[in-house]
Each structure stands twice: as structure tokens, then as C-alpha cells.
Amino acid sequence: MFQGNGLNRRGLLRGALATGVTGIAFSKAIMADDANLSHVHCVEPGLNKVSKLKKILHVGVFTDDLDRALVKYSALGMSCSVIVESEKMGVKIALLTAGSSALEVVQITKPTQANDALAKVVLGQEGVINHVCFEVDDLAESISEFEGSGAKLVEGCPTAGVQGNIAFFYPETTEGVLIELCQLSNLPEAAP
């Protein structure tokens, strides 16, 4: 649709908005018009540093019915590796995998205690997508680096989580995203 007409990025965006082309079709249009794009660096030279974040370990989502969600995600090709219930947090959590990616599906089982900062922050995050979890090798070192960058650790962290020791940071200190760091521990293999 946009190929061969020499549009710049602004022109591509205007065209996409005017025609309703979004998502993959818009991305293909940008790639087809790549000769007209200039490369932009995300960070000023000299500010890049080696990241302690290894990969996105899982994305946490909420559901109001864990059993229904398990049936649906199973039908979509994901397999459940573990289900854990935390009386302290008032949640039931299923970890579903698809290849090397994971989805942590969370169902609230009881109201949040007003004096539990960790439960209040995690369960108070609005929207279906709740948090993004990054795997790290050294949780204490990563917490220190995050705090040095202005992120504020949620009270009660670090603590034990489904996949290892975890720490959450207040979303208002991480650009509105609830970020979890996890140092994996040796977990027993899930039953087939």
C-alpha cells in the first residue's frame, strides 16, 4: 500500500492513520520504505552500559477464573508447568510456557491486607497485563543498580516467588510499569 511512494516516517504514519492500516501491515510498510528512514540511537553515546537483565522471564496477567484461563491457554498451545497458591498474598498463580517464554496467570483469592505493601502494589496494578519480570543472575546487585537509577523497591522485597527470589519496584518509579526481578532457583521438574 505504501511501497514505492517515497513517504517518510511522518507520511507513513499519516497514511496509516488515514487508511486504518496498523500493526503488521504498518510495520511492513515501514520496512518496505526503509531507504527513507534514518537510524536513531535510543541512548546518547557513552551512556550505554552492560545490562544485568538477561531476558524477560515472564509476563504476569490477571484472570478472574484460573481454571477457565488454563483451559483457554492450553487450547492455544501453552502448557502449565506449576500452580502455586499464596495464602499470604491472597493469590493462586499458574505458570504457563510456550517454548522459552512464560505467562504467569494470577487469580486473586482474597482481598489485599492494607498493611501488606507488596500485595497492595502488585495486586493494585490495574489492567489485565500486571507486570513484566526480568531474569537476573544476582538479585542483590540488580536491586542496587535499579535503586541507583531512581527505582524504589517495594517493601517486603526481596522475597520468595514461584521461580526463585524476587523483587518488585513501585511502578511510579519505573515509568508506570510494574517491574519484577527474579534470580532463578533450582525448582523441581513439573510432573508430565
C-alpha atoms as a PDB file:
ATOM      1  CA  MET A   1       0.000   0.000   0.000  1.00  0.00           C
ATOM      2  CA  PHE A   2       2.793   2.413   0.918  1.00  0.00           C
ATOM      3  CA  GLN A   3       5.534   0.784  -1.172  1.00  0.00           C
ATOM      4  CA  GLY A   4       7.388   2.782  -3.783  1.00  0.00           C
ATOM      5  CA  ASN A   5       5.848   6.143  -2.994  1.00  0.00           C
ATOM      6  CA  GLY A   6       8.833   7.578  -1.121  1.00  0.00           C
ATOM      7  CA  LEU A   7       6.980   8.518   2.071  1.00  0.00           C
ATOM      8  CA  ASN A   8       8.999   9.443   5.129  1.00  0.00           C
ATOM      9  CA  ARG A   9       8.034   8.203   8.614  1.00  0.00           C
ATOM     10  CA  ARG A  10       5.601  11.056   9.193  1.00  0.00           C
ATOM     11  CA  GLY A  11       3.982  10.364   5.816  1.00  0.00           C
ATOM     12  CA  LEU A  12       3.751   6.660   6.622  1.00  0.00           C
ATOM     13  CA  LEU A  13       2.109   7.408   9.952  1.00  0.00           C
ATOM     14  CA  ARG A  14      -0.370   9.841   8.391  1.00  0.00           C
ATOM     15  CA  GLY A  15      -1.160   7.283   5.687  1.00  0.00           C
ATOM     16  CA  ALA A  16      -1.656   4.532   8.231  1.00  0.00           C
ATOM     17  CA  LEU A  17      -3.961   6.675  10.336  1.00  0.00           C
ATOM     18  CA  ALA A  18      -5.953   7.809   7.315  1.00  0.00           C
ATOM     19  CA  THR A  19      -6.410   4.297   5.924  1.00  0.00           C
ATOM     20  CA  GLY A  20      -6.665   2.401   9.209  1.00  0.00           C
ATOM     21  CA  VAL A  21      -3.576   0.301   8.437  1.00  0.00           C
ATOM     22  CA  THR A  22      -1.906  -0.656  11.708  1.00  0.00           C
ATOM     23  CA  GLY A  23       0.129  -3.423  13.299  1.00  0.00           C
ATOM     24  CA  ILE A  24       1.927  -5.828  10.973  1.00  0.00           C
ATOM     25  CA  ALA A  25       0.794  -4.087   7.791  1.00  0.00           C
ATOM     26  CA  PHE A  26       2.135  -0.770   9.091  1.00  0.00           C
ATOM     27  CA  SER A  27       5.426  -2.415  10.127  1.00  0.00           C
ATOM     28  CA  LYS A  28       5.758  -3.963   6.649  1.00  0.00           C
ATOM     29  CA  ALA A  29       5.131  -0.560   5.095  1.00  0.00           C
ATOM     30  CA  ILE A  30       7.895   0.962   7.193  1.00  0.00           C
ATOM     31  CA  MET A  31      10.275  -1.864   6.282  1.00  0.00           C
ATOM     32  CA  ALA A  32       9.423  -1.503   2.584  1.00  0.00           C
ATOM     33  CA  ASP A  33      10.199   2.215   2.805  1.00  0.00           C
ATOM     34  CA  ASP A  34      13.370   1.630   4.863  1.00  0.00           C
ATOM     35  CA  ALA A  35      15.565   3.542   2.413  1.00  0.00           C
ATOM     36  CA  ASN A  36      13.904   6.764   3.572  1.00  0.00           C
ATOM     37  CA  LEU A  37      14.380   6.089   7.289  1.00  0.00           C
ATOM     38  CA  SER A  38      17.270   7.452   9.279  1.00  0.00           C
ATOM     39  CA  HIS A  39      18.681   5.496  12.200  1.00  0.00           C
ATOM     40  CA  VAL A  40      18.083   6.980  15.621  1.00  0.00           C
ATOM     41  CA  HIS A  41      20.036   5.977  18.719  1.00  0.00           C
ATOM     42  CA  CYS A  42      17.935   5.312  21.810  1.00  0.00           C
ATOM     43  CA  VAL A  43      20.630   6.373  24.256  1.00  0.00           C
ATOM     44  CA  GLU A  44      23.261   9.070  23.937  1.00  0.00           C
ATOM     45  CA  PRO A  45      26.748   7.710  23.186  1.00  0.00           C
ATOM     46  CA  GLY A  46      28.692   6.992  26.361  1.00  0.00           C
ATOM     47  CA  LEU A  47      25.561   6.261  28.440  1.00  0.00           C
ATOM     48  CA  ASN A  48      25.256   2.644  27.318  1.00  0.00           C
ATOM     49  CA  LYS A  49      26.237   0.135  29.988  1.00  0.00           C
ATOM     50  CA  VAL A  50      26.166  -3.612  30.141  1.00  0.00           C
ATOM     51  CA  SER A  51      22.731  -4.713  31.347  1.00  0.00           C
ATOM     52  CA  LYS A  52      22.363  -7.147  34.203  1.00  0.00           C
ATOM     53  CA  LEU A  53      18.943  -8.068  32.816  1.00  0.00           C
ATOM     54  CA  LYS A  54      19.252 -11.402  30.992  1.00  0.00           C
ATOM     55  CA  LYS A  55      15.818 -11.739  29.386  1.00  0.00           C
ATOM     56  CA  ILE A  56      12.121 -11.248  30.018  1.00  0.00           C
ATOM     57  CA  LEU A  57      11.349 -14.240  32.219  1.00  0.00           C
ATOM     58  CA  HIS A  58       7.564 -13.936  32.163  1.00  0.00           C
ATOM     59  CA  VAL A  59       4.679 -11.525  31.748  1.00  0.00           C
ATOM     60  CA  GLY A  60       2.120 -11.537  34.537  1.00  0.00           C
ATOM     61  CA  VAL A  61      -1.581 -11.341  33.681  1.00  0.00           C
ATOM     62  CA  PHE A  62      -4.691 -11.332  35.836  1.00  0.00           C
ATOM     63  CA  THR A  63      -7.740 -13.532  35.468  1.00  0.00           C
ATOM     64  CA  ASP A  64     -10.939 -13.814  37.459  1.00  0.00           C
ATOM     65  CA  ASP A  65     -11.131 -17.587  36.786  1.00  0.00           C
ATOM     66  CA  LEU A  66      -7.852 -19.508  36.764  1.00  0.00           C
ATOM     67  CA  ASP A  67      -9.438 -22.829  35.751  1.00  0.00           C
ATOM     68  CA  ARG A  68     -11.106 -21.234  32.716  1.00  0.00           C
ATOM     69  CA  ALA A  69      -7.853 -19.450  31.800  1.00  0.00           C
ATOM     70  CA  LEU A  70      -5.898 -22.734  31.992  1.00  0.00           C
ATOM     71  CA  VAL A  71      -8.334 -24.424  29.610  1.00  0.00           C
ATOM     72  CA  LYS A  72      -8.121 -21.498  27.167  1.00  0.00           C
ATOM     73  CA  TYR A  73      -4.312 -21.156  27.249  1.00  0.00           C
ATOM     74  CA  SER A  74      -3.940 -24.939  26.942  1.00  0.00           C
ATOM     75  CA  ALA A  75      -6.128 -24.866  23.830  1.00  0.00           C
ATOM     76  CA  LEU A  76      -3.823 -22.143  22.472  1.00  0.00           C
ATOM     77  CA  GLY A  77      -0.829 -24.458  22.876  1.00  0.00           C
ATOM     78  CA  MET A  78       0.612 -23.386  26.221  1.00  0.00           C
ATOM     79  CA  SER A  79       1.394 -25.932  28.916  1.00  0.00           C
ATOM     80  CA  CYS A  80       1.077 -25.438  32.654  1.00  0.00           C
ATOM     81  CA  SER A  81       4.323 -26.146  34.484  1.00  0.00           C
ATOM     82  CA  VAL A  82       3.250 -25.266  38.021  1.00  0.00           C
ATOM     83  CA  ILE A  83       0.323 -23.955  40.072  1.00  0.00           C
ATOM     84  CA  VAL A  84       1.031 -22.281  43.407  1.00  0.00           C
ATOM     85  CA  GLU A  85      -1.311 -20.722  45.947  1.00  0.00           C
ATOM     86  CA  SER A  86      -0.006 -17.999  48.247  1.00  0.00           C
ATOM     87  CA  GLU A  87      -2.162 -17.500  51.310  1.00  0.00           C
ATOM     88  CA  LYS A  88      -0.014 -14.514  52.330  1.00  0.00           C
ATOM     89  CA  MET A  89      -0.505 -12.674  49.026  1.00  0.00           C
ATOM     90  CA  GLY A  90      -4.049 -13.962  48.545  1.00  0.00           C
ATOM     91  CA  VAL A  91      -3.399 -15.293  45.035  1.00  0.00           C
ATOM     92  CA  LYS A  92      -3.344 -18.500  43.036  1.00  0.00           C
ATOM     93  CA  ILE A  93      -0.682 -18.478  40.286  1.00  0.00           C
ATOM     94  CA  ALA A  94      -0.186 -20.735  37.269  1.00  0.00           C
ATOM     95  CA  LEU A  95       2.998 -20.601  35.225  1.00  0.00           C
ATOM     96  CA  LEU A  96       2.334 -21.454  31.577  1.00  0.00           C
ATOM     97  CA  THR A  97       5.035 -21.967  28.974  1.00  0.00           C
ATOM     98  CA  ALA A  98       5.279 -21.682  25.216  1.00  0.00           C
ATOM     99  CA  GLY A  99       8.782 -22.512  24.066  1.00  0.00           C
ATOM    100  CA  SER A 100      11.166 -20.480  26.214  1.00  0.00           C
ATOM    101  CA  SER A 101       8.516 -17.847  27.014  1.00  0.00           C
ATOM    102  CA  ALA A 102       6.270 -17.887  30.049  1.00  0.00           C
ATOM    103  CA  LEU A 103       2.988 -16.378  31.140  1.00  0.00           C
ATOM    104  CA  GLU A 104       2.243 -16.048  34.867  1.00  0.00           C
ATOM    105  CA  VAL A 105      -1.541 -16.161  35.252  1.00  0.00           C
ATOM    106  CA  VAL A 106      -2.730 -14.733  38.576  1.00  0.00           C
ATOM    107  CA  GLN A 107      -6.142 -15.064  40.236  1.00  0.00           C
ATOM    108  CA  ILE A 108      -6.865 -13.053  43.377  1.00  0.00           C
ATOM    109  CA  THR A 109      -8.303 -15.369  46.059  1.00  0.00           C
ATOM    110  CA  LYS A 110      -8.794 -12.923  48.931  1.00  0.00           C
ATOM    111  CA  PRO A 111      -8.800  -9.154  49.481  1.00  0.00           C
ATOM    112  CA  THR A 112      -5.468  -7.400  49.951  1.00  0.00           C
ATOM    113  CA  GLN A 113      -4.405  -6.620  53.512  1.00  0.00           C
ATOM    114  CA  ALA A 114      -3.998  -2.852  53.923  1.00  0.00           C
ATOM    115  CA  ASN A 115      -0.688  -3.262  55.789  1.00  0.00           C
ATOM    116  CA  ASP A 116       0.988  -5.527  53.193  1.00  0.00           C
ATOM    117  CA  ALA A 117       2.828  -3.175  50.809  1.00  0.00           C
ATOM    118  CA  LEU A 118       3.950  -5.913  48.406  1.00  0.00           C
ATOM    119  CA  ALA A 119       0.465  -7.386  47.958  1.00  0.00           C
ATOM    120  CA  LYS A 120      -1.052  -3.908  47.750  1.00  0.00           C
ATOM    121  CA  VAL A 121       1.310  -2.772  44.951  1.00  0.00           C
ATOM    122  CA  VAL A 122       1.248  -5.995  42.918  1.00  0.00           C
ATOM    123  CA  LEU A 123      -2.488  -6.608  43.211  1.00  0.00           C
ATOM    124  CA  GLY A 124      -3.290  -2.907  42.830  1.00  0.00           C
ATOM    125  CA  GLN A 125      -1.640  -2.624  39.400  1.00  0.00           C
ATOM    126  CA  GLU A 126      -4.537  -2.014  37.019  1.00  0.00           C
ATOM    127  CA  GLY A 127      -5.112  -3.730  33.689  1.00  0.00           C
ATOM    128  CA  VAL A 128      -5.007  -7.312  32.506  1.00  0.00           C
ATOM    129  CA  ILE A 129      -1.229  -7.200  31.981  1.00  0.00           C
ATOM    130  CA  ASN A 130       0.061  -6.821  35.512  1.00  0.00           C
ATOM    131  CA  HIS A 131       3.857  -6.892  35.399  1.00  0.00           C
ATOM    132  CA  VAL A 132       6.989  -7.748  33.419  1.00  0.00           C
ATOM    133  CA  CYS A 133       9.588  -9.978  35.090  1.00  0.00           C
ATOM    134  CA  PHE A 134      13.269  -9.881  34.135  1.00  0.00           C
ATOM    135  CA  GLU A 135      15.679 -12.701  34.963  1.00  0.00           C
ATOM    136  CA  VAL A 136      18.898 -11.619  36.690  1.00  0.00           C
ATOM    137  CA  ASP A 137      21.974 -13.513  37.914  1.00  0.00           C
ATOM    138  CA  ASP A 138      22.459 -11.528  41.134  1.00  0.00           C
ATOM    139  CA  LEU A 139      19.279 -10.124  42.682  1.00  0.00           C
ATOM    140  CA  ALA A 140      21.007  -8.013  45.338  1.00  0.00           C
ATOM    141  CA  GLU A 141      23.320  -6.389  42.784  1.00  0.00           C
ATOM    142  CA  SER A 142      20.441  -5.741  40.375  1.00  0.00           C
ATOM    143  CA  ILE A 143      18.321  -4.191  43.147  1.00  0.00           C
ATOM    144  CA  SER A 144      21.217  -1.895  43.991  1.00  0.00           C
ATOM    145  CA  GLU A 145      21.576  -0.845  40.338  1.00  0.00           C
ATOM    146  CA  PHE A 146      17.825  -0.229  39.978  1.00  0.00           C
ATOM    147  CA  GLU A 147      17.777   1.843  43.170  1.00  0.00           C
ATOM    148  CA  GLY A 148      20.813   3.767  41.910  1.00  0.00           C
ATOM    149  CA  SER A 149      18.763   4.641  38.828  1.00  0.00           C
ATOM    150  CA  GLY A 150      15.899   6.001  40.938  1.00  0.00           C
ATOM    151  CA  ALA A 151      13.652   2.914  41.129  1.00  0.00           C
ATOM    152  CA  LYS A 152      12.094   2.319  44.561  1.00  0.00           C
ATOM    153  CA  LEU A 153      11.922  -1.218  45.944  1.00  0.00           C
ATOM    154  CA  VAL A 154       8.517  -2.306  47.274  1.00  0.00           C
ATOM    155  CA  GLU A 155       8.543  -3.018  50.994  1.00  0.00           C
ATOM    156  CA  GLY A 156       8.671  -6.746  51.709  1.00  0.00           C
ATOM    157  CA  CYS A 157      11.121  -7.381  48.860  1.00  0.00           C
ATOM    158  CA  PRO A 158      13.152  -9.325  48.121  1.00  0.00           C
ATOM    159  CA  THR A 159      11.057 -12.384  48.860  1.00  0.00           C
ATOM    160  CA  ALA A 160      10.480 -15.918  47.589  1.00  0.00           C
ATOM    161  CA  GLY A 161       8.474 -16.240  44.378  1.00  0.00           C
ATOM    162  CA  VAL A 162       7.245 -19.005  42.093  1.00  0.00           C
ATOM    163  CA  GLN A 163      10.508 -19.210  40.100  1.00  0.00           C
ATOM    164  CA  GLY A 164      13.043 -18.009  42.682  1.00  0.00           C
ATOM    165  CA  ASN A 165      13.821 -14.945  44.777  1.00  0.00           C
ATOM    166  CA  ILE A 166      12.026 -11.855  43.503  1.00  0.00           C
ATOM    167  CA  ALA A 167      11.824  -8.103  43.950  1.00  0.00           C
ATOM    168  CA  PHE A 168       9.220  -5.631  42.718  1.00  0.00           C
ATOM    169  CA  PHE A 169       9.668  -1.890  42.149  1.00  0.00           C
ATOM    170  CA  TYR A 170       6.991   0.774  42.508  1.00  0.00           C
ATOM    171  CA  PRO A 171       5.622   1.476  39.006  1.00  0.00           C
ATOM    172  CA  GLU A 172       5.650   5.233  39.559  1.00  0.00           C
ATOM    173  CA  THR A 173       9.468   4.943  39.728  1.00  0.00           C
ATOM    174  CA  THR A 174       9.770   2.724  36.606  1.00  0.00           C
ATOM    175  CA  GLU A 175       7.791   4.694  34.008  1.00  0.00           C
ATOM    176  CA  GLY A 176       4.415   3.271  35.076  1.00  0.00           C
ATOM    177  CA  VAL A 177       5.394  -0.383  34.538  1.00  0.00           C
ATOM    178  CA  LEU A 178       5.411  -2.780  37.478  1.00  0.00           C
ATOM    179  CA  ILE A 179       8.830  -4.443  37.131  1.00  0.00           C
ATOM    180  CA  GLU A 180       9.817  -7.665  38.865  1.00  0.00           C
ATOM    181  CA  LEU A 181      13.371  -9.006  39.011  1.00  0.00           C
ATOM    182  CA  CYS A 182      13.896 -12.735  39.576  1.00  0.00           C
ATOM    183  CA  GLN A 183      17.009 -14.710  40.441  1.00  0.00           C
ATOM    184  CA  LEU A 184      16.088 -18.250  39.459  1.00  0.00           C
ATOM    185  CA  SER A 185      16.462 -21.052  41.959  1.00  0.00           C
ATOM    186  CA  ASN A 186      16.532 -24.772  41.328  1.00  0.00           C
ATOM    187  CA  LEU A 187      12.915 -25.807  41.138  1.00  0.00           C
ATOM    188  CA  PRO A 188      11.650 -29.384  40.951  1.00  0.00           C
ATOM    189  CA  GLU A 189      10.649 -30.546  37.476  1.00  0.00           C
ATOM    190  CA  ALA A 190       6.920 -30.309  36.777  1.00  0.00           C
ATOM    191  CA  ALA A 191       5.067 -33.593  36.529  1.00  0.00           C
ATOM    192  CA  PRO A 192       4.071 -34.555  32.958  1.00  0.00           C
END
